[in-house]
Amino acid sequence: MSATVESGNATQPVDIATMRETAAMLLGPDDAPQALPPAPEQLDTLALALREHMQLLIPEVETAAAREAKDSTARYCALARVGEARRKLRLGNGCTPPTRVAVAQKFARCVNALCDHYENLSAEQH
């Protein structure tokens, strides 16, 4: 699924499939950690990409949630996830390799959840 997002004067695509693929590189089946973490340089690249995905998805999920009724469960859950995503964006990358992997996996789970809310809210509005 892909949509277009206005960002200032530029238009950026919301490429849910790519976001999910990036997250999957850090997560195994059922969002469990993979047996082997990526190499350190790949981990840094993935963590940065996931941060950027979250920054792109947060306003999109907020906008979609704002179109829902104020007492909507979908709105409440989406906005709660947005708050959690904002808190995770304040995390550092971690000092030790295991911590860096754990932080990147948190980002990956958060991206997956934001993608779910984006898709669910977009489907409800069509």
PDB file of N, CA and C in Angstrom:
ATOM      1  N   MET A   1       0.852  -1.165   0.000  1.00  0.00           N
ATOM      2  CA  MET A   1       0.000   0.000   0.000  1.00  0.00           C
ATOM      3  C   MET A   1       0.902   1.233   0.000  1.00  0.00           C
ATOM      4  N   SER A   2       0.541   2.190  -0.821  1.00  0.00           N
ATOM      5  CA  SER A   2       1.331   3.402  -0.927  1.00  0.00           C
ATOM      6  C   SER A   2       0.392   4.590  -1.014  1.00  0.00           C
ATOM      7  N   ALA A   3       0.758   5.669  -0.380  1.00  0.00           N
ATOM      8  CA  ALA A   3      -0.011   6.900  -0.434  1.00  0.00           C
ATOM      9  C   ALA A   3       0.975   8.038  -0.591  1.00  0.00           C
ATOM     10  N   THR A   4       0.449   9.234  -0.778  1.00  0.00           N
ATOM     11  CA  THR A   4       1.309  10.388  -0.938  1.00  0.00           C
ATOM     12  C   THR A   4       1.089  11.345   0.204  1.00  0.00           C
ATOM     13  N   VAL A   5       2.176  11.905   0.708  1.00  0.00           N
ATOM     14  CA  VAL A   5       2.121  12.811   1.841  1.00  0.00           C
ATOM     15  C   VAL A   5       2.711  14.140   1.415  1.00  0.00           C
ATOM     16  N   GLU A   6       1.996  15.234   1.698  1.00  0.00           N
ATOM     17  CA  GLU A   6       2.530  16.563   1.454  1.00  0.00           C
ATOM     18  C   GLU A   6       3.425  16.924   2.632  1.00  0.00           C
ATOM     19  N   SER A   7       4.647  17.284   2.362  1.00  0.00           N
ATOM     20  CA  SER A   7       5.594  17.671   3.403  1.00  0.00           C
ATOM     21  C   SER A   7       6.264  18.961   2.965  1.00  0.00           C
ATOM     22  N   GLY A   8       5.737  20.072   3.430  1.00  0.00           N
ATOM     23  CA  GLY A   8       6.259  21.358   2.977  1.00  0.00           C
ATOM     24  C   GLY A   8       5.941  21.516   1.505  1.00  0.00           C
ATOM     25  N   ASN A   9       6.964  21.715   0.685  1.00  0.00           N
ATOM     26  CA  ASN A   9       6.771  21.834  -0.747  1.00  0.00           C
ATOM     27  C   ASN A   9       6.989  20.514  -1.469  1.00  0.00           C
ATOM     28  N   ALA A  10       7.536  19.542  -0.787  1.00  0.00           N
ATOM     29  CA  ALA A  10       7.830  18.256  -1.413  1.00  0.00           C
ATOM     30  C   ALA A  10       6.723  17.256  -1.127  1.00  0.00           C
ATOM     31  N   THR A  11       6.603  16.290  -1.985  1.00  0.00           N
ATOM     32  CA  THR A  11       5.646  15.211  -1.799  1.00  0.00           C
ATOM     33  C   THR A  11       6.432  13.939  -1.553  1.00  0.00           C
ATOM     34  N   GLN A  12       6.154  13.276  -0.432  1.00  0.00           N
ATOM     35  CA  GLN A  12       6.851  12.047  -0.081  1.00  0.00           C
ATOM     36  C   GLN A  12       5.853  10.901  -0.074  1.00  0.00           C
ATOM     37  N   PRO A  13       6.241   9.759  -0.620  1.00  0.00           N
ATOM     38  CA  PRO A  13       5.325   8.618  -0.571  1.00  0.00           C
ATOM     39  C   PRO A  13       5.363   7.932   0.792  1.00  0.00           C
ATOM     40  N   VAL A  14       4.217   7.455   1.216  1.00  0.00           N
ATOM     41  CA  VAL A  14       4.146   6.608   2.404  1.00  0.00           C
ATOM     42  C   VAL A  14       4.123   5.185   1.854  1.00  0.00           C
ATOM     43  N   ASP A  15       5.256   4.550   1.882  1.00  0.00           N
ATOM     44  CA  ASP A  15       5.409   3.226   1.303  1.00  0.00           C
ATOM     45  C   ASP A  15       5.362   2.192   2.427  1.00  0.00           C
ATOM     46  N   ILE A  16       4.164   1.759   2.734  1.00  0.00           N
ATOM     47  CA  ILE A  16       3.956   0.826   3.849  1.00  0.00           C
ATOM     48  C   ILE A  16       4.732  -0.471   3.631  1.00  0.00           C
ATOM     49  N   ALA A  17       4.753  -0.969   2.415  1.00  0.00           N
ATOM     50  CA  ALA A  17       5.451  -2.233   2.146  1.00  0.00           C
ATOM     51  C   ALA A  17       6.937  -2.119   2.473  1.00  0.00           C
ATOM     52  N   THR A  18       7.573  -1.034   2.059  1.00  0.00           N
ATOM     53  CA  THR A  18       8.997  -0.838   2.350  1.00  0.00           C
ATOM     54  C   THR A  18       9.230  -0.675   3.842  1.00  0.00           C
ATOM     55  N   MET A  19       8.346   0.051   4.510  1.00  0.00           N
ATOM     56  CA  MET A  19       8.479   0.235   5.956  1.00  0.00           C
ATOM     57  C   MET A  19       8.398  -1.101   6.672  1.00  0.00           C
ATOM     58  N   ARG A  20       7.465  -1.933   6.253  1.00  0.00           N
ATOM     59  CA  ARG A  20       7.328  -3.259   6.877  1.00  0.00           C
ATOM     60  C   ARG A  20       8.540  -4.142   6.567  1.00  0.00           C
ATOM     61  N   GLU A  21       9.069  -4.042   5.358  1.00  0.00           N
ATOM     62  CA  GLU A  21      10.258  -4.828   5.003  1.00  0.00           C
ATOM     63  C   GLU A  21      11.450  -4.419   5.856  1.00  0.00           C
ATOM     64  N   THR A  22      11.592  -3.123   6.075  1.00  0.00           N
ATOM     65  CA  THR A  22      12.694  -2.638   6.911  1.00  0.00           C
ATOM     66  C   THR A  22      12.549  -3.175   8.332  1.00  0.00           C
ATOM     67  N   ALA A  23      11.339  -3.102   8.867  1.00  0.00           N
ATOM     68  CA  ALA A  23      11.092  -3.604  10.224  1.00  0.00           C
ATOM     69  C   ALA A  23      11.353  -5.108  10.305  1.00  0.00           C
ATOM     70  N   ALA A  24      10.983  -5.836   9.268  1.00  0.00           N
ATOM     71  CA  ALA A  24      11.153  -7.289   9.270  1.00  0.00           C
ATOM     72  C   ALA A  24      12.625  -7.708   9.330  1.00  0.00           C
ATOM     73  N   MET A  25      13.518  -6.833   8.915  1.00  0.00           N
ATOM     74  CA  MET A  25      14.946  -7.166   8.965  1.00  0.00           C
ATOM     75  C   MET A  25      15.451  -7.304  10.398  1.00  0.00           C
ATOM     76  N   LEU A  26      14.707  -6.754  11.348  1.00  0.00           N
ATOM     77  CA  LEU A  26      15.111  -6.833  12.755  1.00  0.00           C
ATOM     78  C   LEU A  26      14.228  -7.755  13.575  1.00  0.00           C
ATOM     79  N   LEU A  27      13.159  -8.230  12.974  1.00  0.00           N
ATOM     80  CA  LEU A  27      12.214  -9.064  13.706  1.00  0.00           C
ATOM     81  C   LEU A  27      12.010 -10.378  12.977  1.00  0.00           C
ATOM     82  N   GLY A  28      11.822 -11.410  13.738  1.00  0.00           N
ATOM     83  CA  GLY A  28      11.538 -12.708  13.156  1.00  0.00           C
ATOM     84  C   GLY A  28      10.032 -12.922  13.083  1.00  0.00           C
ATOM     85  N   PRO A  29       9.621 -14.167  12.929  1.00  0.00           N
ATOM     86  CA  PRO A  29       8.191 -14.467  12.890  1.00  0.00           C
ATOM     87  C   PRO A  29       7.492 -13.995  14.163  1.00  0.00           C
ATOM     88  N   ASP A  30       6.310 -13.495  14.025  1.00  0.00           N
ATOM     89  CA  ASP A  30       5.506 -13.025  15.160  1.00  0.00           C
ATOM     90  C   ASP A  30       6.216 -11.944  15.972  1.00  0.00           C
ATOM     91  N   ASP A  31       6.996 -11.114  15.317  1.00  0.00           N
ATOM     92  CA  ASP A  31       7.701  -9.998  15.947  1.00  0.00           C
ATOM     93  C   ASP A  31       8.723 -10.427  16.995  1.00  0.00           C
ATOM     94  N   ALA A  32       9.154 -11.661  16.947  1.00  0.00           N
ATOM     95  CA  ALA A  32      10.187 -12.131  17.875  1.00  0.00           C
ATOM     96  C   ALA A  32      11.557 -11.756  17.309  1.00  0.00           C
ATOM     97  N   PRO A  33      12.543 -11.537  18.173  1.00  0.00           N
ATOM     98  CA  PRO A  33      13.882 -11.212  17.673  1.00  0.00           C
ATOM     99  C   PRO A  33      14.446 -12.328  16.800  1.00  0.00           C
ATOM    100  N   GLN A  34      15.179 -11.939  15.777  1.00  0.00           N
ATOM    101  CA  GLN A  34      15.854 -12.915  14.938  1.00  0.00           C
ATOM    102  C   GLN A  34      16.976 -13.562  15.736  1.00  0.00           C
ATOM    103  N   ALA A  35      17.445 -14.720  15.272  1.00  0.00           N
ATOM    104  CA  ALA A  35      18.532 -15.408  15.952  1.00  0.00           C
ATOM    105  C   ALA A  35      19.832 -14.607  15.861  1.00  0.00           C
ATOM    106  N   LEU A  36      20.099 -13.996  14.707  1.00  0.00           N
ATOM    107  CA  LEU A  36      21.338 -13.247  14.513  1.00  0.00           C
ATOM    108  C   LEU A  36      21.018 -11.792  14.192  1.00  0.00           C
ATOM    109  N   PRO A  37      21.538 -10.853  14.989  1.00  0.00           N
ATOM    110  CA  PRO A  37      21.316  -9.437  14.672  1.00  0.00           C
ATOM    111  C   PRO A  37      22.156  -9.035  13.465  1.00  0.00           C
ATOM    112  N   PRO A  38      21.744  -7.960  12.791  1.00  0.00           N
ATOM    113  CA  PRO A  38      22.535  -7.501  11.642  1.00  0.00           C
ATOM    114  C   PRO A  38      23.900  -6.965  12.077  1.00  0.00           C
ATOM    115  N   ALA A  39      24.790  -6.819  11.120  1.00  0.00           N
ATOM    116  CA  ALA A  39      26.113  -6.238  11.384  1.00  0.00           C
ATOM    117  C   ALA A  39      25.939  -4.818  11.907  1.00  0.00           C
ATOM    118  N   PRO A  40      26.895  -4.336  12.725  1.00  0.00           N
ATOM    119  CA  PRO A  40      26.751  -3.006  13.336  1.00  0.00           C
ATOM    120  C   PRO A  40      26.464  -1.881  12.343  1.00  0.00           C
ATOM    121  N   GLU A  41      27.149  -1.850  11.202  1.00  0.00           N
ATOM    122  CA  GLU A  41      26.899  -0.772  10.250  1.00  0.00           C
ATOM    123  C   GLU A  41      25.510  -0.887   9.620  1.00  0.00           C
ATOM    124  N   GLN A  42      25.039  -2.107   9.413  1.00  0.00           N
ATOM    125  CA  GLN A  42      23.686  -2.298   8.888  1.00  0.00           C
ATOM    126  C   GLN A  42      22.664  -1.933   9.960  1.00  0.00           C
ATOM    127  N   LEU A  43      22.953  -2.237  11.212  1.00  0.00           N
ATOM    128  CA  LEU A  43      22.051  -1.908  12.306  1.00  0.00           C
ATOM    129  C   LEU A  43      21.844  -0.392  12.401  1.00  0.00           C
ATOM    130  N   ASP A  44      22.918   0.368  12.281  1.00  0.00           N
ATOM    131  CA  ASP A  44      22.806   1.826  12.327  1.00  0.00           C
ATOM    132  C   ASP A  44      21.935   2.345  11.193  1.00  0.00           C
ATOM    133  N   THR A  45      22.118   1.799  10.012  1.00  0.00           N
ATOM    134  CA  THR A  45      21.325   2.208   8.854  1.00  0.00           C
ATOM    135  C   THR A  45      19.855   1.860   9.054  1.00  0.00           C
ATOM    136  N   LEU A  46      19.587   0.657   9.548  1.00  0.00           N
ATOM    137  CA  LEU A  46      18.203   0.242   9.795  1.00  0.00           C
ATOM    138  C   LEU A  46      17.544   1.099  10.867  1.00  0.00           C
ATOM    139  N   ALA A  47      18.259   1.372  11.951  1.00  0.00           N
ATOM    140  CA  ALA A  47      17.701   2.196  13.030  1.00  0.00           C
ATOM    141  C   ALA A  47      17.359   3.597  12.523  1.00  0.00           C
ATOM    142  N   LEU A  48      18.230   4.166  11.721  1.00  0.00           N
ATOM    143  CA  LEU A  48      17.968   5.493  11.160  1.00  0.00           C
ATOM    144  C   LEU A  48      16.760   5.459  10.229  1.00  0.00           C
ATOM    145  N   ALA A  49      16.681   4.457   9.385  1.00  0.00           N
ATOM    146  CA  ALA A  49      15.535   4.332   8.478  1.00  0.00           C
ATOM    147  C   ALA A  49      14.237   4.180   9.262  1.00  0.00           C
ATOM    148  N   LEU A  50      14.265   3.382  10.319  1.00  0.00           N
ATOM    149  CA  LEU A  50      13.061   3.183  11.129  1.00  0.00           C
ATOM    150  C   LEU A  50      12.655   4.471  11.841  1.00  0.00           C
ATOM    151  N   ARG A  51      13.613   5.235  12.325  1.00  0.00           N
ATOM    152  CA  ARG A  51      13.310   6.545  12.919  1.00  0.00           C
ATOM    153  C   ARG A  51      12.602   7.436  11.890  1.00  0.00           C
ATOM    154  N   GLU A  52      13.139   7.456  10.676  1.00  0.00           N
ATOM    155  CA  GLU A  52      12.544   8.278   9.626  1.00  0.00           C
ATOM    156  C   GLU A  52      11.140   7.793   9.274  1.00  0.00           C
ATOM    157  N   HIS A  53      10.946   6.481   9.242  1.00  0.00           N
ATOM    158  CA  HIS A  53       9.605   5.936   8.977  1.00  0.00           C
ATOM    159  C   HIS A  53       8.625   6.392  10.057  1.00  0.00           C
ATOM    160  N   MET A  54       9.066   6.329  11.310  1.00  0.00           N
ATOM    161  CA  MET A  54       8.202   6.755  12.412  1.00  0.00           C
ATOM    162  C   MET A  54       7.861   8.235  12.283  1.00  0.00           C
ATOM    163  N   GLN A  55       8.851   9.051  11.951  1.00  0.00           N
ATOM    164  CA  GLN A  55       8.624  10.492  11.806  1.00  0.00           C
ATOM    165  C   GLN A  55       7.646  10.791  10.676  1.00  0.00           C
ATOM    166  N   LEU A  56       7.648   9.986   9.648  1.00  0.00           N
ATOM    167  CA  LEU A  56       6.715  10.162   8.538  1.00  0.00           C
ATOM    168  C   LEU A  56       5.316   9.652   8.895  1.00  0.00           C
ATOM    169  N   LEU A  57       5.268   8.535   9.608  1.00  0.00           N
ATOM    170  CA  LEU A  57       3.974   7.922   9.927  1.00  0.00           C
ATOM    171  C   LEU A  57       3.207   8.646  11.031  1.00  0.00           C
ATOM    172  N   ILE A  58       3.896   9.207  11.997  1.00  0.00           N
ATOM    173  CA  ILE A  58       3.216   9.832  13.140  1.00  0.00           C
ATOM    174  C   ILE A  58       2.182  10.863  12.693  1.00  0.00           C
ATOM    175  N   PRO A  59       2.529  11.857  11.885  1.00  0.00           N
ATOM    176  CA  PRO A  59       1.507  12.831  11.498  1.00  0.00           C
ATOM    177  C   PRO A  59       0.410  12.230  10.613  1.00  0.00           C
ATOM    178  N   GLU A  60       0.760  11.217   9.839  1.00  0.00           N
ATOM    179  CA  GLU A  60      -0.249  10.573   8.993  1.00  0.00           C
ATOM    180  C   GLU A  60      -1.283   9.825   9.835  1.00  0.00           C
ATOM    181  N   VAL A  61      -0.815   9.109  10.843  1.00  0.00           N
ATOM    182  CA  VAL A  61      -1.732   8.386  11.733  1.00  0.00           C
ATOM    183  C   VAL A  61      -2.569   9.385  12.529  1.00  0.00           C
ATOM    184  N   GLU A  62      -1.951  10.460  12.996  1.00  0.00           N
ATOM    185  CA  GLU A  62      -2.697  11.495  13.724  1.00  0.00           C
ATOM    186  C   GLU A  62      -3.799  12.098  12.857  1.00  0.00           C
ATOM    187  N   THR A  63      -3.483  12.399  11.620  1.00  0.00           N
ATOM    188  CA  THR A  63      -4.467  12.986  10.711  1.00  0.00           C
ATOM    189  C   THR A  63      -5.616  12.014  10.462  1.00  0.00           C
ATOM    190  N   ALA A  64      -5.282  10.765  10.224  1.00  0.00           N
ATOM    191  CA  ALA A  64      -6.320   9.759   9.990  1.00  0.00           C
ATOM    192  C   ALA A  64      -7.172   9.555  11.244  1.00  0.00           C
ATOM    193  N   ALA A  65      -6.542   9.559  12.409  1.00  0.00           N
ATOM    194  CA  ALA A  65      -7.285   9.371  13.663  1.00  0.00           C
ATOM    195  C   ALA A  65      -8.201  10.556  13.935  1.00  0.00           C
ATOM    196  N   ALA A  66      -7.765  11.750  13.553  1.00  0.00           N
ATOM    197  CA  ALA A  66      -8.570  12.954  13.795  1.00  0.00           C
ATOM    198  C   ALA A  66      -9.885  12.916  13.025  1.00  0.00           C
ATOM    199  N   ARG A  67      -9.945  12.144  11.952  1.00  0.00           N
ATOM    200  CA  ARG A  67     -11.179  12.022  11.162  1.00  0.00           C
ATOM    201  C   ARG A  67     -12.188  11.074  11.798  1.00  0.00           C
ATOM    202  N   GLU A  68     -11.744  10.317  12.783  1.00  0.00           N
ATOM    203  CA  GLU A  68     -12.628   9.377  13.484  1.00  0.00           C
ATOM    204  C   GLU A  68     -13.450  10.118  14.539  1.00  0.00           C
ATOM    205  N   ALA A  69     -14.539   9.504  14.963  1.00  0.00           N
ATOM    206  CA  ALA A  69     -15.358  10.076  16.039  1.00  0.00           C
ATOM    207  C   ALA A  69     -14.524  10.176  17.307  1.00  0.00           C
ATOM    208  N   LYS A  70     -14.790  11.185  18.115  1.00  0.00           N
ATOM    209  CA  LYS A  70     -13.991  11.417  19.330  1.00  0.00           C
ATOM    210  C   LYS A  70     -14.039  10.233  20.296  1.00  0.00           C
ATOM    211  N   ASP A  71     -15.123   9.471  20.290  1.00  0.00           N
ATOM    212  CA  ASP A  71     -15.234   8.329  21.198  1.00  0.00           C
ATOM    213  C   ASP A  71     -14.860   7.008  20.519  1.00  0.00           C
ATOM    214  N   SER A  72     -14.232   7.081  19.360  1.00  0.00           N
ATOM    215  CA  SER A  72     -13.853   5.894  18.602  1.00  0.00           C
ATOM    216  C   SER A  72     -12.694   5.157  19.270  1.00  0.00           C
ATOM    217  N   THR A  73     -12.834   3.851  19.386  1.00  0.00           N
ATOM    218  CA  THR A  73     -11.759   3.022  19.926  1.00  0.00           C
ATOM    219  C   THR A  73     -10.546   3.062  19.004  1.00  0.00           C
ATOM    220  N   ALA A  74     -10.794   3.045  17.703  1.00  0.00           N
ATOM    221  CA  ALA A  74      -9.686   3.088  16.738  1.00  0.00           C
ATOM    222  C   ALA A  74      -8.893   4.385  16.897  1.00  0.00           C
ATOM    223  N   ARG A  75      -9.588   5.490  17.107  1.00  0.00           N
ATOM    224  CA  ARG A  75      -8.921   6.783  17.305  1.00  0.00           C
ATOM    225  C   ARG A  75      -8.076   6.747  18.583  1.00  0.00           C
ATOM    226  N   TYR A  76      -8.665   6.282  19.661  1.00  0.00           N
ATOM    227  CA  TYR A  76      -7.970   6.220  20.947  1.00  0.00           C
ATOM    228  C   TYR A  76      -6.708   5.369  20.839  1.00  0.00           C
ATOM    229  N   CYS A  77      -6.821   4.182  20.246  1.00  0.00           N
ATOM    230  CA  CYS A  77      -5.676   3.275  20.133  1.00  0.00           C
ATOM    231  C   CYS A  77      -4.591   3.864  19.238  1.00  0.00           C
ATOM    232  N   ALA A  78      -4.986   4.465  18.129  1.00  0.00           N
ATOM    233  CA  ALA A  78      -4.008   5.053  17.212  1.00  0.00           C
ATOM    234  C   ALA A  78      -3.257   6.195  17.888  1.00  0.00           C
ATOM    235  N   LEU A  79      -3.972   7.055  18.601  1.00  0.00           N
ATOM    236  CA  LEU A  79      -3.318   8.183  19.260  1.00  0.00           C
ATOM    237  C   LEU A  79      -2.421   7.725  20.413  1.00  0.00           C
ATOM    238  N   ALA A  80      -2.818   6.648  21.078  1.00  0.00           N
ATOM    239  CA  ALA A  80      -1.952   6.086  22.125  1.00  0.00           C
ATOM    240  C   ALA A  80      -0.659   5.567  21.506  1.00  0.00           C
ATOM    241  N   ARG A  81      -0.761   4.925  20.355  1.00  0.00           N
ATOM    242  CA  ARG A  81       0.426   4.411  19.666  1.00  0.00           C
ATOM    243  C   ARG A  81       1.310   5.557  19.183  1.00  0.00           C
ATOM    244  N   VAL A  82       0.707   6.650  18.739  1.00  0.00           N
ATOM    245  CA  VAL A  82       1.476   7.827  18.328  1.00  0.00           C
ATOM    246  C   VAL A  82       2.272   8.374  19.514  1.00  0.00           C
ATOM    247  N   GLY A  83       1.635   8.451  20.679  1.00  0.00           N
ATOM    248  CA  GLY A  83       2.341   8.910  21.879  1.00  0.00           C
ATOM    249  C   GLY A  83       3.508   8.009  22.220  1.00  0.00           C
ATOM    250  N   GLU A  84       3.303   6.715  22.104  1.00  0.00           N
ATOM    251  CA  GLU A  84       4.390   5.767  22.370  1.00  0.00           C
ATOM    252  C   GLU A  84       5.517   5.934  21.348  1.00  0.00           C
ATOM    253  N   ALA A  85       5.161   6.144  20.095  1.00  0.00           N
ATOM    254  CA  ALA A  85       6.175   6.337  19.050  1.00  0.00           C
ATOM    255  C   ALA A  85       7.008   7.590  19.335  1.00  0.00           C
ATOM    256  N   ARG A  86       6.357   8.648  19.758  1.00  0.00           N
ATOM    257  CA  ARG A  86       7.093   9.877  20.090  1.00  0.00           C
ATOM    258  C   ARG A  86       8.072   9.639  21.241  1.00  0.00           C
ATOM    259  N   ARG A  87       7.642   8.869  22.239  1.00  0.00           N
ATOM    260  CA  ARG A  87       8.536   8.565  23.359  1.00  0.00           C
ATOM    261  C   ARG A  87       9.730   7.735  22.878  1.00  0.00           C
ATOM    262  N   LYS A  88       9.489   6.801  21.983  1.00  0.00           N
ATOM    263  CA  LYS A  88      10.577   5.959  21.479  1.00  0.00           C
ATOM    264  C   LYS A  88      11.562   6.768  20.638  1.00  0.00           C
ATOM    265  N   LEU A  89      11.081   7.787  19.959  1.00  0.00           N
ATOM    266  CA  LEU A  89      11.986   8.627  19.169  1.00  0.00           C
ATOM    267  C   LEU A  89      12.985   9.373  20.050  1.00  0.00           C
ATOM    268  N   ARG A  90      12.663   9.529  21.320  1.00  0.00           N
ATOM    269  CA  ARG A  90      13.580  10.202  22.247  1.00  0.00           C
ATOM    270  C   ARG A  90      14.679   9.267  22.758  1.00  0.00           C
ATOM    271  N   LEU A  91      14.563   7.976  22.470  1.00  0.00           N
ATOM    272  CA  LEU A  91      15.597   7.022  22.884  1.00  0.00           C
ATOM    273  C   LEU A  91      16.883   7.281  22.114  1.00  0.00           C
ATOM    274  N   GLY A  92      17.988   7.095  22.789  1.00  0.00           N
ATOM    275  CA  GLY A  92      19.269   7.121  22.090  1.00  0.00           C
ATOM    276  C   GLY A  92      19.440   5.808  21.344  1.00  0.00           C
ATOM    277  N   ASN A  93      20.557   5.661  20.673  1.00  0.00           N
ATOM    278  CA  ASN A  93      20.794   4.426  19.922  1.00  0.00           C
ATOM    279  C   ASN A  93      21.315   3.299  20.794  1.00  0.00           C
ATOM    280  N   GLY A  94      21.809   3.615  21.989  1.00  0.00           N
ATOM    281  CA  GLY A  94      22.369   2.600  22.875  1.00  0.00           C
ATOM    282  C   GLY A  94      23.881   2.574  22.780  1.00  0.00           C
ATOM    283  N   CYS A  95      24.509   2.195  23.878  1.00  0.00           N
ATOM    284  CA  CYS A  95      25.982   2.200  23.948  1.00  0.00           C
ATOM    285  C   CYS A  95      26.582   0.835  23.653  1.00  0.00           C
ATOM    286  N   THR A  96      25.892  -0.213  24.024  1.00  0.00           N
ATOM    287  CA  THR A  96      26.431  -1.556  23.827  1.00  0.00           C
ATOM    288  C   THR A  96      25.702  -2.224  22.657  1.00  0.00           C
ATOM    289  N   PRO A  97      26.345  -3.178  22.002  1.00  0.00           N
ATOM    290  CA  PRO A  97      25.685  -3.852  20.877  1.00  0.00           C
ATOM    291  C   PRO A  97      24.313  -4.453  21.222  1.00  0.00           C
ATOM    292  N   PRO A  98      24.157  -5.149  22.367  1.00  0.00           N
ATOM    293  CA  PRO A  98      22.827  -5.690  22.674  1.00  0.00           C
ATOM    294  C   PRO A  98      21.771  -4.596  22.865  1.00  0.00           C
ATOM    295  N   THR A  99      22.165  -3.470  23.462  1.00  0.00           N
ATOM    296  CA  THR A  99      21.222  -2.374  23.667  1.00  0.00           C
ATOM    297  C   THR A  99      20.848  -1.751  22.331  1.00  0.00           C
ATOM    298  N   ARG A 100      21.819  -1.596  21.448  1.00  0.00           N
ATOM    299  CA  ARG A 100      21.529  -1.026  20.133  1.00  0.00           C
ATOM    300  C   ARG A 100      20.558  -1.905  19.360  1.00  0.00           C
ATOM    301  N   VAL A 101      20.726  -3.213  19.446  1.00  0.00           N
ATOM    302  CA  VAL A 101      19.802  -4.136  18.774  1.00  0.00           C
ATOM    303  C   VAL A 101      18.413  -4.009  19.392  1.00  0.00           C
ATOM    304  N   ALA A 102      18.346  -3.966  20.727  1.00  0.00           N
ATOM    305  CA  ALA A 102      17.053  -3.869  21.405  1.00  0.00           C
ATOM    306  C   ALA A 102      16.309  -2.582  21.030  1.00  0.00           C
ATOM    307  N   VAL A 103      17.026  -1.465  20.968  1.00  0.00           N
ATOM    308  CA  VAL A 103      16.403  -0.189  20.592  1.00  0.00           C
ATOM    309  C   VAL A 103      15.889  -0.263  19.157  1.00  0.00           C
ATOM    310  N   ALA A 104      16.696  -0.785  18.252  1.00  0.00           N
ATOM    311  CA  ALA A 104      16.277  -0.901  16.851  1.00  0.00           C
ATOM    312  C   ALA A 104      15.054  -1.809  16.726  1.00  0.00           C
ATOM    313  N   GLN A 105      14.991  -2.875  17.518  1.00  0.00           N
ATOM    314  CA  GLN A 105      13.829  -3.765  17.480  1.00  0.00           C
ATOM    315  C   GLN A 105      12.586  -3.057  18.018  1.00  0.00           C
ATOM    316  N   LYS A 106      12.748  -2.206  19.015  1.00  0.00           N
ATOM    317  CA  LYS A 106      11.611  -1.406  19.505  1.00  0.00           C
ATOM    318  C   LYS A 106      11.102  -0.496  18.398  1.00  0.00           C
ATOM    319  N   PHE A 107      12.023   0.116  17.664  1.00  0.00           N
ATOM    320  CA  PHE A 107      11.623   0.960  16.537  1.00  0.00           C
ATOM    321  C   PHE A 107      10.854   0.131  15.506  1.00  0.00           C
ATOM    322  N   ALA A 108      11.358  -1.070  15.232  1.00  0.00           N
ATOM    323  CA  ALA A 108      10.720  -1.930  14.226  1.00  0.00           C
ATOM    324  C   ALA A 108       9.293  -2.294  14.636  1.00  0.00           C
ATOM    325  N   ARG A 109       9.102  -2.664  15.891  1.00  0.00           N
ATOM    326  CA  ARG A 109       7.754  -2.988  16.369  1.00  0.00           C
ATOM    327  C   ARG A 109       6.835  -1.768  16.294  1.00  0.00           C
ATOM    328  N   CYS A 110       7.389  -0.621  16.613  1.00  0.00           N
ATOM    329  CA  CYS A 110       6.614   0.617  16.579  1.00  0.00           C
ATOM    330  C   CYS A 110       6.209   0.955  15.141  1.00  0.00           C
ATOM    331  N   VAL A 111       7.122   0.796  14.200  1.00  0.00           N
ATOM    332  CA  VAL A 111       6.797   1.045  12.793  1.00  0.00           C
ATOM    333  C   VAL A 111       5.690   0.105  12.333  1.00  0.00           C
ATOM    334  N   ASN A 112       5.794  -1.168  12.686  1.00  0.00           N
ATOM    335  CA  ASN A 112       4.741  -2.119  12.313  1.00  0.00           C
ATOM    336  C   ASN A 112       3.387  -1.693  12.875  1.00  0.00           C
ATOM    337  N   ALA A 113       3.367  -1.280  14.133  1.00  0.00           N
ATOM    338  CA  ALA A 113       2.110  -0.875  14.760  1.00  0.00           C
ATOM    339  C   ALA A 113       1.545   0.387  14.096  1.00  0.00           C
ATOM    340  N   LEU A 114       2.402   1.360  13.804  1.00  0.00           N
ATOM    341  CA  LEU A 114       1.937   2.573  13.123  1.00  0.00           C
ATOM    342  C   LEU A 114       1.411   2.240  11.730  1.00  0.00           C
ATOM    343  N   CYS A 115       2.074   1.327  11.029  1.00  0.00           N
ATOM    344  CA  CYS A 115       1.588   0.889   9.714  1.00  0.00           C
ATOM    345  C   CYS A 115       0.202   0.260   9.844  1.00  0.00           C
ATOM    346  N   ASP A 116       0.017  -0.580  10.867  1.00  0.00           N
ATOM    347  CA  ASP A 116      -1.300  -1.195  11.096  1.00  0.00           C
ATOM    348  C   ASP A 116      -2.371  -0.132  11.286  1.00  0.00           C
ATOM    349  N   HIS A 117      -2.095   0.846  12.142  1.00  0.00           N
ATOM    350  CA  HIS A 117      -3.079   1.900  12.396  1.00  0.00           C
ATOM    351  C   HIS A 117      -3.330   2.725  11.136  1.00  0.00           C
ATOM    352  N   TYR A 118      -2.287   3.036  10.409  1.00  0.00           N
ATOM    353  CA  TYR A 118      -2.434   3.803   9.170  1.00  0.00           C
ATOM    354  C   TYR A 118      -3.338   3.061   8.189  1.00  0.00           C
ATOM    355  N   GLU A 119      -3.072   1.776   8.004  1.00  0.00           N
ATOM    356  CA  GLU A 119      -3.881   0.976   7.073  1.00  0.00           C
ATOM    357  C   GLU A 119      -5.313   0.834   7.562  1.00  0.00           C
ATOM    358  N   ASN A 120      -5.487   0.541   8.849  1.00  0.00           N
ATOM    359  CA  ASN A 120      -6.839   0.363   9.385  1.00  0.00           C
ATOM    360  C   ASN A 120      -7.660   1.637   9.299  1.00  0.00           C
ATOM    361  N   LEU A 121      -7.065   2.750   9.674  1.00  0.00           N
ATOM    362  CA  LEU A 121      -7.801   4.017   9.626  1.00  0.00           C
ATOM    363  C   LEU A 121      -8.065   4.450   8.194  1.00  0.00           C
ATOM    364  N   SER A 122      -7.138   4.192   7.298  1.00  0.00           N
ATOM    365  CA  SER A 122      -7.334   4.541   5.891  1.00  0.00           C
ATOM    366  C   SER A 122      -8.436   3.688   5.280  1.00  0.00           C
ATOM    367  N   ALA A 123      -8.487   2.410   5.636  1.00  0.00           N
ATOM    368  CA  ALA A 123      -9.528   1.521   5.116  1.00  0.00           C
ATOM    369  C   ALA A 123     -10.908   1.922   5.615  1.00  0.00           C
ATOM    370  N   GLU A 124     -10.988   2.361   6.875  1.00  0.00           N
ATOM    371  CA  GLU A 124     -12.267   2.780   7.452  1.00  0.00           C
ATOM    372  C   GLU A 124     -12.799   4.037   6.778  1.00  0.00           C
ATOM    373  N   GLN A 125     -11.910   4.854   6.247  1.00  0.00           N
ATOM    374  CA  GLN A 125     -12.321   6.141   5.681  1.00  0.00           C
ATOM    375  C   GLN A 125     -12.669   6.029   4.197  1.00  0.00           C
ATOM    376  N   HIS A 126     -12.498   4.843   3.607  1.00  0.00           N
ATOM    377  CA  HIS A 126     -12.824   4.684   2.185  1.00  0.00           C
ATOM    378  C   HIS A 126     -14.067   3.903   2.008  1.00  0.00           C
TER     379      HIS A 126
END
